[in-house]
Amino acid sequence: MSGLAILIPVALGLGLAGLAAFLWAIHRRQFDDLDGAALRILIDEDGPPEV
């Protein structure tokens, strides 16, 4: 029973830390451009191959 007295506050603390990190990421606009990173790899920045 004394283990629950330690584990419940630890679990609540980790949950609150995860929620705080998620809200911080939203506030810093980390999730605004979800397609940009996925499509950036397809952009060909090099010129045509030299023959």
N, C-alpha and C. Protein backbone atom coordinates (compact mmCIF):
# COMPACT_ATOMS: atom_id res chain seq x y z
N MET A 1 0.82 -1.20 0.00
CA MET A 1 0.00 0.00 0.00
C MET A 1 0.87 1.26 0.00
N SER A 2 2.03 1.18 0.66
CA SER A 2 2.89 2.37 0.71
C SER A 2 3.52 2.64 -0.66
N GLY A 3 3.59 1.59 -1.51
CA GLY A 3 4.10 1.79 -2.86
C GLY A 3 3.20 2.68 -3.69
N LEU A 4 1.89 2.57 -3.46
CA LEU A 4 0.94 3.43 -4.17
C LEU A 4 1.09 4.88 -3.77
N ALA A 5 1.48 5.11 -2.54
CA ALA A 5 1.67 6.49 -2.07
C ALA A 5 2.82 7.16 -2.80
N ILE A 6 3.73 6.38 -3.35
CA ILE A 6 4.85 6.93 -4.12
C ILE A 6 4.53 6.94 -5.61
N LEU A 7 3.93 5.86 -6.09
CA LEU A 7 3.72 5.72 -7.53
C LEU A 7 2.63 6.65 -8.08
N ILE A 8 1.59 6.89 -7.32
CA ILE A 8 0.52 7.77 -7.82
C ILE A 8 1.01 9.20 -8.01
N PRO A 9 1.71 9.82 -7.07
CA PRO A 9 2.23 11.17 -7.34
C PRO A 9 3.26 11.21 -8.46
N VAL A 10 4.07 10.16 -8.58
CA VAL A 10 5.05 10.11 -9.65
C VAL A 10 4.34 10.04 -11.00
N ALA A 11 3.30 9.20 -11.10
CA ALA A 11 2.55 9.09 -12.35
C ALA A 11 1.85 10.40 -12.69
N LEU A 12 1.27 11.04 -11.70
CA LEU A 12 0.63 12.33 -11.95
C LEU A 12 1.64 13.40 -12.37
N GLY A 13 2.80 13.38 -11.74
CA GLY A 13 3.85 14.33 -12.11
C GLY A 13 4.34 14.13 -13.54
N LEU A 14 4.54 12.87 -13.93
CA LEU A 14 4.97 12.60 -15.31
C LEU A 14 3.88 12.98 -16.32
N GLY A 15 2.64 12.72 -15.95
CA GLY A 15 1.54 13.11 -16.83
C GLY A 15 1.46 14.61 -17.01
N LEU A 16 1.62 15.35 -15.93
CA LEU A 16 1.61 16.81 -16.02
C LEU A 16 2.81 17.34 -16.79
N ALA A 17 3.96 16.68 -16.63
CA ALA A 17 5.14 17.10 -17.39
C ALA A 17 4.93 16.86 -18.89
N GLY A 18 4.32 15.74 -19.25
CA GLY A 18 4.02 15.48 -20.66
C GLY A 18 3.02 16.46 -21.22
N LEU A 19 2.00 16.78 -20.45
CA LEU A 19 1.02 17.78 -20.88
C LEU A 19 1.66 19.15 -21.04
N ALA A 20 2.54 19.51 -20.12
CA ALA A 20 3.23 20.80 -20.22
C ALA A 20 4.12 20.85 -21.46
N ALA A 21 4.81 19.74 -21.77
CA ALA A 21 5.66 19.70 -22.96
C ALA A 21 4.81 19.81 -24.23
N PHE A 22 3.66 19.16 -24.25
CA PHE A 22 2.77 19.24 -25.40
C PHE A 22 2.23 20.65 -25.59
N LEU A 23 1.81 21.29 -24.50
CA LEU A 23 1.30 22.66 -24.61
C LEU A 23 2.41 23.62 -25.01
N TRP A 24 3.64 23.39 -24.54
CA TRP A 24 4.77 24.23 -24.94
C TRP A 24 5.02 24.09 -26.44
N ALA A 25 4.94 22.85 -26.96
CA ALA A 25 5.16 22.63 -28.39
C ALA A 25 4.08 23.30 -29.22
N ILE A 26 2.85 23.27 -28.75
CA ILE A 26 1.77 23.97 -29.47
C ILE A 26 2.01 25.47 -29.44
N HIS A 27 2.41 25.98 -28.29
CA HIS A 27 2.66 27.43 -28.16
C HIS A 27 3.82 27.87 -29.05
N ARG A 28 4.83 27.01 -29.23
CA ARG A 28 5.98 27.34 -30.07
C ARG A 28 5.72 27.04 -31.54
N ARG A 29 4.49 26.66 -31.89
CA ARG A 29 4.03 26.42 -33.27
C ARG A 29 4.82 25.29 -33.94
N GLN A 30 5.06 24.21 -33.21
CA GLN A 30 5.81 23.08 -33.74
C GLN A 30 4.98 22.23 -34.70
N PHE A 31 3.66 22.33 -34.63
CA PHE A 31 2.79 21.46 -35.40
C PHE A 31 2.08 22.20 -36.53
N ASP A 32 2.55 23.37 -36.92
CA ASP A 32 1.87 24.14 -37.95
C ASP A 32 2.07 23.57 -39.35
N ASP A 33 3.26 23.12 -39.69
CA ASP A 33 3.56 22.68 -41.05
C ASP A 33 3.87 21.18 -41.04
N LEU A 34 2.83 20.36 -41.02
CA LEU A 34 3.03 18.92 -40.95
C LEU A 34 3.47 18.33 -42.28
N ASP A 35 3.05 18.92 -43.39
CA ASP A 35 3.39 18.38 -44.71
C ASP A 35 4.73 18.89 -45.22
N GLY A 36 5.20 20.00 -44.73
CA GLY A 36 6.43 20.59 -45.24
C GLY A 36 7.64 19.69 -45.07
N ALA A 37 7.80 19.11 -43.90
CA ALA A 37 8.95 18.24 -43.66
C ALA A 37 8.86 16.96 -44.48
N ALA A 38 7.67 16.47 -44.68
CA ALA A 38 7.49 15.24 -45.45
C ALA A 38 7.76 15.48 -46.94
N LEU A 39 7.42 16.64 -47.43
CA LEU A 39 7.61 16.92 -48.85
C LEU A 39 8.98 17.53 -49.16
N ARG A 40 9.67 18.01 -48.14
CA ARG A 40 10.96 18.65 -48.35
C ARG A 40 11.99 17.68 -48.93
N ILE A 41 11.86 16.40 -48.61
CA ILE A 41 12.82 15.43 -49.12
C ILE A 41 12.66 15.22 -50.62
N LEU A 42 11.51 15.56 -51.16
CA LEU A 42 11.26 15.36 -52.58
C LEU A 42 11.77 16.52 -53.44
N ILE A 43 12.14 17.62 -52.83
CA ILE A 43 12.61 18.80 -53.57
C ILE A 43 14.03 18.53 -54.06
N ASP A 44 14.24 18.68 -55.35
CA ASP A 44 15.54 18.46 -55.93
C ASP A 44 16.31 19.77 -55.96
N GLU A 45 17.23 19.95 -55.05
CA GLU A 45 17.98 21.20 -54.96
C GLU A 45 19.19 21.19 -55.89
N ASP A 46 19.61 20.04 -56.34
CA ASP A 46 20.73 19.96 -57.26
C ASP A 46 20.24 20.21 -58.68
N GLY A 47 21.13 20.67 -59.50
CA GLY A 47 20.78 20.88 -60.89
C GLY A 47 20.76 19.54 -61.64
N PRO A 48 20.51 19.59 -62.91
CA PRO A 48 20.52 18.35 -63.69
C PRO A 48 21.92 17.76 -63.72
N PRO A 49 22.03 16.45 -63.84
CA PRO A 49 23.36 15.83 -63.85
C PRO A 49 24.16 16.28 -65.08
N GLU A 50 25.44 16.51 -64.87
CA GLU A 50 26.31 16.93 -65.98
C GLU A 50 26.71 15.72 -66.78
N VAL A 51 26.71 15.89 -68.10
CA VAL A 51 27.06 14.79 -68.99
C VAL A 51 28.45 14.96 -69.51
